[in-house]
């Protein structure tokens, strides 16, 4: 997520924004999204996995636990430095236990941060409601473009080994945050800290309005599933499939890098 001084503010690297979204793991719609994403993950012993836009690290934890603690490495990459704290907590509470090098945080712009890795370095990649925020602005055309998004998809394909999988979620066009909020009402009664639950839900809803407005300008990318599939194919992936989740406000997609 690149920053250009003359352009509107990007909240994603901010600690306040990152911490607001730590609370989404308590929302029932997000827990369903997490289950649907994890169901398509197939981590094997000794593999290396990448968690793009890791946030609070719920998918990193899902990878580790689903592998039974047998992965060689999970790299949790995010543009918000404060998420290092969240990944540390995931590592400390991991079951089975994980060493520092087995679940580690990488502070980087995820639309550029993959350049340090050679081709075929990772066995799989996962991302939760993150890659749609890869942004790029063309000063000559004076408009937002999808160049960073397309480049990111190509980079994920490059750093995967042949046969490696990419499982990720993105929001549908014009997502209804109100529908998500309505589906999350029951979570209030189950929350260990109800007031914090309401506060975090409200903060996420406010950021959601910003995201939706910026997506309408072309800065962020809430695309129909067929358009995403076309981009994945253009980036080099095959066997693209998807399903709805997150109160029908997000797609979960899975695709593979060709073996040959």
C-alpha atoms as a PDB file:
ATOM      1  CA  UNK A   1       0.000   0.000   0.000  1.00  0.00           C
ATOM      2  CA  UNK A   2       2.072   2.901  -1.250  1.00  0.00           C
ATOM      3  CA  UNK A   3       1.852   6.423   0.158  1.00  0.00           C
ATOM      4  CA  UNK A   4       1.953   9.510  -2.070  1.00  0.00           C
ATOM      5  CA  UNK A   5       2.159  12.873  -0.245  1.00  0.00           C
ATOM      6  CA  UNK A   6      -0.294  14.716  -2.511  1.00  0.00           C
ATOM      7  CA  UNK A   7      -2.932  11.990  -2.286  1.00  0.00           C
ATOM      8  CA  UNK A   8      -5.607  11.300   0.343  1.00  0.00           C
ATOM      9  CA  UNK A   9      -4.530   9.774   3.643  1.00  0.00           C
ATOM     10  CA  UNK A  10      -4.032   6.028   3.898  1.00  0.00           C
ATOM     11  CA  UNK A  11      -5.156   4.795   7.304  1.00  0.00           C
ATOM     12  CA  UNK A  12      -3.926   1.228   6.932  1.00  0.00           C
ATOM     13  CA  UNK A  13      -0.398   1.771   8.331  1.00  0.00           C
ATOM     14  CA  UNK A  14      -1.790   3.626  11.365  1.00  0.00           C
ATOM     15  CA  UNK A  15      -1.737   1.855  14.707  1.00  0.00           C
ATOM     16  CA  UNK A  16      -5.258   3.045  15.571  1.00  0.00           C
ATOM     17  CA  UNK A  17      -6.708   1.556  12.399  1.00  0.00           C
ATOM     18  CA  UNK A  18      -4.808  -1.719  12.850  1.00  0.00           C
ATOM     19  CA  UNK A  19      -5.947  -2.091  16.454  1.00  0.00           C
ATOM     20  CA  UNK A  20      -9.552  -1.373  15.472  1.00  0.00           C
ATOM     21  CA  UNK A  21      -9.520  -4.373  13.161  1.00  0.00           C
ATOM     22  CA  UNK A  22      -8.014  -6.668  15.801  1.00  0.00           C
ATOM     23  CA  UNK A  23     -11.520  -6.794  17.232  1.00  0.00           C
ATOM     24  CA  UNK A  24     -13.097  -8.212  14.082  1.00  0.00           C
ATOM     25  CA  UNK A  25     -12.174 -11.721  15.190  1.00  0.00           C
ATOM     26  CA  UNK A  26     -15.044 -11.471  17.679  1.00  0.00           C
ATOM     27  CA  UNK A  27     -17.634 -10.776  14.972  1.00  0.00           C
ATOM     28  CA  UNK A  28     -19.654 -13.862  13.964  1.00  0.00           C
ATOM     29  CA  UNK A  29     -19.472 -12.966  10.217  1.00  0.00           C
ATOM     30  CA  UNK A  30     -15.684 -12.773  10.438  1.00  0.00           C
ATOM     31  CA  UNK A  31     -15.444 -16.067  12.314  1.00  0.00           C
ATOM     32  CA  UNK A  32     -17.414 -17.705   9.513  1.00  0.00           C
ATOM     33  CA  UNK A  33     -15.113 -16.101   6.951  1.00  0.00           C
ATOM     34  CA  UNK A  34     -12.115 -17.417   8.862  1.00  0.00           C
ATOM     35  CA  UNK A  35     -13.579 -20.947   8.906  1.00  0.00           C
ATOM     36  CA  UNK A  36     -14.384 -20.834   5.191  1.00  0.00           C
ATOM     37  CA  UNK A  37     -10.853 -19.619   4.378  1.00  0.00           C
ATOM     38  CA  UNK A  38      -9.156 -22.157   6.647  1.00  0.00           C
ATOM     39  CA  UNK A  39     -11.197 -24.985   5.090  1.00  0.00           C
ATOM     40  CA  UNK A  40      -9.375 -24.371   1.789  1.00  0.00           C
ATOM     41  CA  UNK A  41      -5.904 -24.335   3.341  1.00  0.00           C
ATOM     42  CA  UNK A  42      -3.771 -27.461   3.101  1.00  0.00           C
ATOM     43  CA  UNK A  43      -0.468 -26.799   4.928  1.00  0.00           C
ATOM     44  CA  UNK A  44       1.979 -29.712   4.905  1.00  0.00           C
ATOM     45  CA  UNK A  45       4.942 -30.518   7.172  1.00  0.00           C
ATOM     46  CA  UNK A  46       8.079 -28.522   6.404  1.00  0.00           C
ATOM     47  CA  UNK A  47       6.359 -26.000   4.148  1.00  0.00           C
ATOM     48  CA  UNK A  48       6.753 -22.209   4.060  1.00  0.00           C
ATOM     49  CA  UNK A  49       3.596 -20.089   3.938  1.00  0.00           C
ATOM     50  CA  UNK A  50       2.929 -16.393   3.450  1.00  0.00           C
ATOM     51  CA  UNK A  51       0.130 -14.441   5.180  1.00  0.00           C
ATOM     52  CA  UNK A  52      -0.386 -11.207   3.214  1.00  0.00           C
ATOM     53  CA  UNK A  53      -1.871  -8.300   5.143  1.00  0.00           C
ATOM     54  CA  UNK A  54      -1.838 -10.439   8.268  1.00  0.00           C
ATOM     55  CA  UNK A  55      -3.597  -8.002  10.628  1.00  0.00           C
ATOM     56  CA  UNK A  56      -4.083  -9.670  14.004  1.00  0.00           C
ATOM     57  CA  UNK A  57      -2.702 -12.950  12.651  1.00  0.00           C
ATOM     58  CA  UNK A  58      -5.797 -15.148  12.694  1.00  0.00           C
ATOM     59  CA  UNK A  59      -4.911 -16.819   9.416  1.00  0.00           C
ATOM     60  CA  UNK A  60      -1.305 -17.309  10.515  1.00  0.00           C
ATOM     61  CA  UNK A  61      -2.650 -19.081  13.587  1.00  0.00           C
ATOM     62  CA  UNK A  62      -5.037 -21.151  11.453  1.00  0.00           C
ATOM     63  CA  UNK A  63      -2.157 -22.265   9.234  1.00  0.00           C
ATOM     64  CA  UNK A  64       0.001 -23.234  12.190  1.00  0.00           C
ATOM     65  CA  UNK A  65      -2.704 -25.132  14.034  1.00  0.00           C
ATOM     66  CA  UNK A  66      -4.028 -26.884  10.932  1.00  0.00           C
ATOM     67  CA  UNK A  67      -0.501 -28.129  10.196  1.00  0.00           C
ATOM     68  CA  UNK A  68      -0.195 -29.431  13.750  1.00  0.00           C
ATOM     69  CA  UNK A  69       2.806 -27.150  14.251  1.00  0.00           C
ATOM     70  CA  UNK A  70       4.802 -28.821  11.498  1.00  0.00           C
ATOM     71  CA  UNK A  71       5.344 -25.863   9.177  1.00  0.00           C
ATOM     72  CA  UNK A  72       8.890 -24.636   8.703  1.00  0.00           C
ATOM     73  CA  UNK A  73       7.791 -21.012   8.552  1.00  0.00           C
ATOM     74  CA  UNK A  74       4.831 -18.644   8.421  1.00  0.00           C
ATOM     75  CA  UNK A  75       5.744 -15.120   7.291  1.00  0.00           C
ATOM     76  CA  UNK A  76       3.055 -12.676   8.437  1.00  0.00           C
ATOM     77  CA  UNK A  77       3.476  -9.526   6.333  1.00  0.00           C
ATOM     78  CA  UNK A  78       1.677  -6.237   7.022  1.00  0.00           C
ATOM     79  CA  UNK A  79       2.113  -2.510   6.439  1.00  0.00           C
ATOM     80  CA  UNK A  80       1.124  -1.610  10.037  1.00  0.00           C
ATOM     81  CA  UNK A  81       4.126  -2.004  12.342  1.00  0.00           C
ATOM     82  CA  UNK A  82       1.906  -2.420  15.409  1.00  0.00           C
ATOM     83  CA  UNK A  83       0.753  -5.786  14.072  1.00  0.00           C
ATOM     84  CA  UNK A  84       4.114  -7.167  15.193  1.00  0.00           C
ATOM     85  CA  UNK A  85       2.563  -7.134  18.660  1.00  0.00           C
ATOM     86  CA  UNK A  86      -0.419  -9.150  17.454  1.00  0.00           C
ATOM     87  CA  UNK A  87       1.800 -11.737  15.769  1.00  0.00           C
ATOM     88  CA  UNK A  88       3.913 -12.031  18.912  1.00  0.00           C
ATOM     89  CA  UNK A  89       0.750 -12.874  20.847  1.00  0.00           C
ATOM     90  CA  UNK A  90      -0.271 -15.430  18.228  1.00  0.00           C
ATOM     91  CA  UNK A  91       3.144 -17.052  18.496  1.00  0.00           C
ATOM     92  CA  UNK A  92       3.091 -17.108  22.305  1.00  0.00           C
ATOM     93  CA  UNK A  93      -0.357 -18.686  22.402  1.00  0.00           C
ATOM     94  CA  UNK A  94       0.158 -21.077  19.505  1.00  0.00           C
ATOM     95  CA  UNK A  95      -0.842 -24.674  20.024  1.00  0.00           C
ATOM     96  CA  UNK A  96       1.483 -26.510  19.460  1.00  0.00           C
ATOM     97  CA  UNK A  97       4.114 -23.953  20.589  1.00  0.00           C
ATOM     98  CA  UNK A  98       5.980 -22.034  17.886  1.00  0.00           C
ATOM     99  CA  UNK A  99       9.482 -20.602  17.885  1.00  0.00           C
ATOM    100  CA  UNK A 100      10.219 -17.014  16.810  1.00  0.00           C
ATOM    101  CA  UNK A 101      11.416 -18.105  13.385  1.00  0.00           C
ATOM    102  CA  UNK A 102       8.415 -20.319  12.737  1.00  0.00           C
ATOM    103  CA  UNK A 103       5.785 -17.575  12.943  1.00  0.00           C
ATOM    104  CA  UNK A 104       7.409 -14.239  12.260  1.00  0.00           C
ATOM    105  CA  UNK A 105       6.274 -10.736  11.381  1.00  0.00           C
ATOM    106  CA  UNK A 106       7.548  -8.778   8.391  1.00  0.00           C
ATOM    107  CA  UNK A 107       6.788  -5.051   8.285  1.00  0.00           C
ATOM    108  CA  UNK A 108       6.459  -4.175   4.616  1.00  0.00           C
ATOM    109  CA  UNK A 109       4.209  -2.726   1.959  1.00  0.00           C
ATOM    110  CA  UNK A 110       2.674  -5.928   0.671  1.00  0.00           C
ATOM    111  CA  UNK A 111       2.380  -4.662  -2.895  1.00  0.00           C
ATOM    112  CA  UNK A 112       6.198  -4.310  -2.958  1.00  0.00           C
ATOM    113  CA  UNK A 113       7.518  -6.424  -0.101  1.00  0.00           C
ATOM    114  CA  UNK A 114       7.662  -9.686  -2.019  1.00  0.00           C
ATOM    115  CA  UNK A 115      10.559  -8.535  -4.208  1.00  0.00           C
ATOM    116  CA  UNK A 116      13.037  -9.795  -1.589  1.00  0.00           C
ATOM    117  CA  UNK A 117      11.960 -13.407  -2.097  1.00  0.00           C
ATOM    118  CA  UNK A 118      13.166 -15.638  -4.941  1.00  0.00           C
ATOM    119  CA  UNK A 119      10.793 -17.444  -7.244  1.00  0.00           C
ATOM    120  CA  UNK A 120       9.216 -20.534  -5.702  1.00  0.00           C
ATOM    121  CA  UNK A 121      10.154 -19.618  -2.125  1.00  0.00           C
ATOM    122  CA  UNK A 122       6.726 -20.299  -0.602  1.00  0.00           C
ATOM    123  CA  UNK A 123       4.552 -23.393  -0.761  1.00  0.00           C
ATOM    124  CA  UNK A 124       1.348 -21.447  -0.224  1.00  0.00           C
ATOM    125  CA  UNK A 125      -0.077 -18.001   0.433  1.00  0.00           C
ATOM    126  CA  UNK A 126      -3.157 -16.768   2.239  1.00  0.00           C
ATOM    127  CA  UNK A 127      -4.756 -13.363   2.743  1.00  0.00           C
ATOM    128  CA  UNK A 128      -7.858 -12.076   4.501  1.00  0.00           C
ATOM    129  CA  UNK A 129      -9.639  -8.978   3.152  1.00  0.00           C
ATOM    130  CA  UNK A 130      -6.332  -7.298   2.370  1.00  0.00           C
ATOM    131  CA  UNK A 131      -4.986  -7.522  -1.179  1.00  0.00           C
ATOM    132  CA  UNK A 132      -7.870  -5.424  -2.535  1.00  0.00           C
ATOM    133  CA  UNK A 133      -6.157  -2.412  -0.938  1.00  0.00           C
ATOM    134  CA  UNK A 134      -3.043  -2.502  -3.121  1.00  0.00           C
ATOM    135  CA  UNK A 135      -3.135   1.056  -4.459  1.00  0.00           C
ATOM    136  CA  UNK A 136      -1.439   2.874  -7.305  1.00  0.00           C
ATOM    137  CA  UNK A 137      -1.978   6.381  -8.664  1.00  0.00           C
ATOM    138  CA  UNK A 138      -0.883   7.531 -12.109  1.00  0.00           C
ATOM    139  CA  UNK A 139      -0.027  11.264 -12.060  1.00  0.00           C
ATOM    140  CA  UNK A 140       0.034  11.428 -15.854  1.00  0.00           C
ATOM    141  CA  UNK A 141      -3.496  10.044 -16.164  1.00  0.00           C
ATOM    142  CA  UNK A 142      -4.520  11.701 -12.897  1.00  0.00           C
ATOM    143  CA  UNK A 143      -6.388   8.675 -11.697  1.00  0.00           C
ATOM    144  CA  UNK A 144      -6.110   5.546  -9.610  1.00  0.00           C
ATOM    145  CA  UNK A 145      -5.172   2.372 -11.461  1.00  0.00           C
ATOM    146  CA  UNK A 146      -5.142  -1.358 -10.803  1.00  0.00           C
ATOM    147  CA  UNK A 147      -1.416  -1.603 -11.601  1.00  0.00           C
ATOM    148  CA  UNK A 148      -0.361  -2.341  -7.991  1.00  0.00           C
ATOM    149  CA  UNK A 149      -3.146  -4.903  -7.572  1.00  0.00           C
ATOM    150  CA  UNK A 150      -2.222  -6.683 -10.796  1.00  0.00           C
ATOM    151  CA  UNK A 151       1.475  -6.564  -9.886  1.00  0.00           C
ATOM    152  CA  UNK A 152       0.755  -8.056  -6.470  1.00  0.00           C
ATOM    153  CA  UNK A 153      -1.112 -11.009  -7.973  1.00  0.00           C
ATOM    154  CA  UNK A 154       1.774 -11.633 -10.359  1.00  0.00           C
ATOM    155  CA  UNK A 155       4.276 -11.411  -7.481  1.00  0.00           C
ATOM    156  CA  UNK A 156       2.316 -13.913  -5.379  1.00  0.00           C
ATOM    157  CA  UNK A 157       2.350 -16.307  -8.320  1.00  0.00           C
ATOM    158  CA  UNK A 158       6.095 -15.777  -8.774  1.00  0.00           C
ATOM    159  CA  UNK A 159       7.049 -16.524  -5.161  1.00  0.00           C
ATOM    160  CA  UNK A 160       4.926 -19.702  -5.039  1.00  0.00           C
ATOM    161  CA  UNK A 161       6.402 -23.041  -5.983  1.00  0.00           C
ATOM    162  CA  UNK A 162       4.775 -24.853  -8.931  1.00  0.00           C
ATOM    163  CA  UNK A 163       1.558 -26.387  -7.638  1.00  0.00           C
ATOM    164  CA  UNK A 164       1.385 -23.950  -4.722  1.00  0.00           C
ATOM    165  CA  UNK A 165      -1.993 -22.551  -3.687  1.00  0.00           C
ATOM    166  CA  UNK A 166      -3.226 -19.035  -3.020  1.00  0.00           C
ATOM    167  CA  UNK A 167      -6.307 -18.748  -0.781  1.00  0.00           C
ATOM    168  CA  UNK A 168      -7.677 -15.293  -0.053  1.00  0.00           C
ATOM    169  CA  UNK A 169     -10.765 -13.224   0.612  1.00  0.00           C
ATOM    170  CA  UNK A 170     -11.841  -9.870  -0.829  1.00  0.00           C
ATOM    171  CA  UNK A 171     -15.005  -7.830  -0.495  1.00  0.00           C
ATOM    172  CA  UNK A 172     -17.790  -7.910  -3.077  1.00  0.00           C
ATOM    173  CA  UNK A 173     -18.617  -4.747  -5.056  1.00  0.00           C
ATOM    174  CA  UNK A 174     -20.436  -2.162  -2.921  1.00  0.00           C
ATOM    175  CA  UNK A 175     -20.288  -4.214   0.306  1.00  0.00           C
ATOM    176  CA  UNK A 176     -23.047  -3.588   2.830  1.00  0.00           C
ATOM    177  CA  UNK A 177     -21.340  -2.965   6.156  1.00  0.00           C
ATOM    178  CA  UNK A 178     -24.806  -2.625   7.672  1.00  0.00           C
ATOM    179  CA  UNK A 179     -25.551  -6.243   6.793  1.00  0.00           C
ATOM    180  CA  UNK A 180     -22.313  -7.316   8.439  1.00  0.00           C
ATOM    181  CA  UNK A 181     -23.182  -5.270  11.519  1.00  0.00           C
ATOM    182  CA  UNK A 182     -26.661  -6.787  11.686  1.00  0.00           C
ATOM    183  CA  UNK A 183     -25.179 -10.278  11.498  1.00  0.00           C
ATOM    184  CA  UNK A 184     -22.780  -9.367  14.295  1.00  0.00           C
ATOM    185  CA  UNK A 185     -25.457  -8.340  16.804  1.00  0.00           C
ATOM    186  CA  UNK A 186     -25.509 -11.728  18.520  1.00  0.00           C
ATOM    187  CA  UNK A 187     -21.780 -11.447  19.107  1.00  0.00           C
ATOM    188  CA  UNK A 188     -22.463  -8.683  21.628  1.00  0.00           C
ATOM    189  CA  UNK A 189     -24.132 -11.137  23.989  1.00  0.00           C
ATOM    190  CA  UNK A 190     -21.232 -13.589  23.725  1.00  0.00           C
ATOM    191  CA  UNK A 191     -18.407 -11.062  23.984  1.00  0.00           C
ATOM    192  CA  UNK A 192     -16.211 -11.191  27.068  1.00  0.00           C
ATOM    193  CA  UNK A 193     -16.050  -7.376  27.008  1.00  0.00           C
ATOM    194  CA  UNK A 194     -19.350  -6.127  25.510  1.00  0.00           C
ATOM    195  CA  UNK A 195     -18.460  -2.425  25.635  1.00  0.00           C
ATOM    196  CA  UNK A 196     -15.154  -3.020  23.845  1.00  0.00           C
ATOM    197  CA  UNK A 197     -17.031  -5.146  21.326  1.00  0.00           C
ATOM    198  CA  UNK A 198     -19.404  -2.269  20.518  1.00  0.00           C
ATOM    199  CA  UNK A 199     -16.554   0.253  20.376  1.00  0.00           C
ATOM    200  CA  UNK A 200     -14.515  -1.852  17.958  1.00  0.00           C
ATOM    201  CA  UNK A 201     -17.551  -2.630  15.802  1.00  0.00           C
ATOM    202  CA  UNK A 202     -18.302   1.097  15.545  1.00  0.00           C
ATOM    203  CA  UNK A 203     -14.707   1.952  14.645  1.00  0.00           C
ATOM    204  CA  UNK A 204     -14.625  -0.719  11.936  1.00  0.00           C
ATOM    205  CA  UNK A 205     -17.922   0.580  10.559  1.00  0.00           C
ATOM    206  CA  UNK A 206     -16.446   4.098  10.337  1.00  0.00           C
ATOM    207  CA  UNK A 207     -13.355   2.863   8.520  1.00  0.00           C
ATOM    208  CA  UNK A 208     -15.655   0.835   6.269  1.00  0.00           C
ATOM    209  CA  UNK A 209     -17.281   4.023   5.023  1.00  0.00           C
ATOM    210  CA  UNK A 210     -13.869   5.415   4.088  1.00  0.00           C
ATOM    211  CA  UNK A 211     -12.947   2.209   2.272  1.00  0.00           C
ATOM    212  CA  UNK A 212     -16.176   2.156   0.298  1.00  0.00           C
ATOM    213  CA  UNK A 213     -15.799   5.784  -0.802  1.00  0.00           C
ATOM    214  CA  UNK A 214     -12.229   5.203  -1.927  1.00  0.00           C
ATOM    215  CA  UNK A 215     -13.223   2.046  -3.808  1.00  0.00           C
ATOM    216  CA  UNK A 216     -15.758   4.075  -5.785  1.00  0.00           C
ATOM    217  CA  UNK A 217     -12.898   6.339  -6.861  1.00  0.00           C
ATOM    218  CA  UNK A 218     -10.926   3.317  -8.109  1.00  0.00           C
ATOM    219  CA  UNK A 219      -8.321   3.513  -5.352  1.00  0.00           C
ATOM    220  CA  UNK A 220      -9.331   0.156  -3.858  1.00  0.00           C
ATOM    221  CA  UNK A 221     -10.682  -2.842  -5.695  1.00  0.00           C
ATOM    222  CA  UNK A 222     -14.058  -4.352  -4.831  1.00  0.00           C
ATOM    223  CA  UNK A 223     -14.529  -6.415  -7.987  1.00  0.00           C
ATOM    224  CA  UNK A 224     -16.990  -9.057  -9.209  1.00  0.00           C
ATOM    225  CA  UNK A 225     -15.760 -12.637  -8.930  1.00  0.00           C
ATOM    226  CA  UNK A 226     -15.386 -13.111 -12.735  1.00  0.00           C
ATOM    227  CA  UNK A 227     -13.169 -10.009 -12.933  1.00  0.00           C
ATOM    228  CA  UNK A 228     -10.967 -11.326 -10.115  1.00  0.00           C
ATOM    229  CA  UNK A 229     -10.748 -14.708 -11.843  1.00  0.00           C
ATOM    230  CA  UNK A 230      -9.620 -12.994 -15.062  1.00  0.00           C
ATOM    231  CA  UNK A 231      -6.908 -11.125 -13.162  1.00  0.00           C
ATOM    232  CA  UNK A 232      -5.712 -14.323 -11.493  1.00  0.00           C
ATOM    233  CA  UNK A 233      -5.524 -16.090 -14.844  1.00  0.00           C
ATOM    234  CA  UNK A 234      -3.596 -13.157 -16.327  1.00  0.00           C
ATOM    235  CA  UNK A 235      -1.180 -13.331 -13.375  1.00  0.00           C
ATOM    236  CA  UNK A 236      -0.447 -16.985 -14.143  1.00  0.00           C
ATOM    237  CA  UNK A 237      -2.833 -18.893 -11.872  1.00  0.00           C
ATOM    238  CA  UNK A 238      -5.186 -21.699 -12.826  1.00  0.00           C
ATOM    239  CA  UNK A 239      -8.100 -23.680 -11.326  1.00  0.00           C
ATOM    240  CA  UNK A 240      -9.765 -20.591  -9.857  1.00  0.00           C
ATOM    241  CA  UNK A 241     -12.788 -21.176  -7.628  1.00  0.00           C
ATOM    242  CA  UNK A 242     -14.747 -19.023  -5.222  1.00  0.00           C
ATOM    243  CA  UNK A 243     -17.548 -18.952  -2.671  1.00  0.00           C
ATOM    244  CA  UNK A 244     -19.465 -16.268  -0.772  1.00  0.00           C
ATOM    245  CA  UNK A 245     -18.899 -15.628   2.935  1.00  0.00           C
ATOM    246  CA  UNK A 246     -18.886 -12.779   5.487  1.00  0.00           C
ATOM    247  CA  UNK A 247     -22.679 -12.337   5.364  1.00  0.00           C
ATOM    248  CA  UNK A 248     -22.381 -12.471   1.549  1.00  0.00           C
ATOM    249  CA  UNK A 249     -20.125  -9.413   1.588  1.00  0.00           C
ATOM    250  CA  UNK A 250     -16.893 -11.189   0.641  1.00  0.00           C
ATOM    251  CA  UNK A 251     -15.601 -13.828  -1.724  1.00  0.00           C
ATOM    252  CA  UNK A 252     -13.204 -16.545  -0.657  1.00  0.00           C
ATOM    253  CA  UNK A 253     -11.077 -17.597  -3.625  1.00  0.00           C
ATOM    254  CA  UNK A 254      -8.619 -20.408  -4.218  1.00  0.00           C
ATOM    255  CA  UNK A 255      -6.266 -20.823  -7.154  1.00  0.00           C
ATOM    256  CA  UNK A 256      -3.046 -22.658  -7.971  1.00  0.00           C
ATOM    257  CA  UNK A 257       0.235 -21.993  -9.706  1.00  0.00           C
ATOM    258  CA  UNK A 258       0.579 -24.420 -12.633  1.00  0.00           C
ATOM    259  CA  UNK A 259       2.904 -27.363 -12.058  1.00  0.00           C
ATOM    260  CA  UNK A 260       4.602 -26.826 -15.405  1.00  0.00           C
END
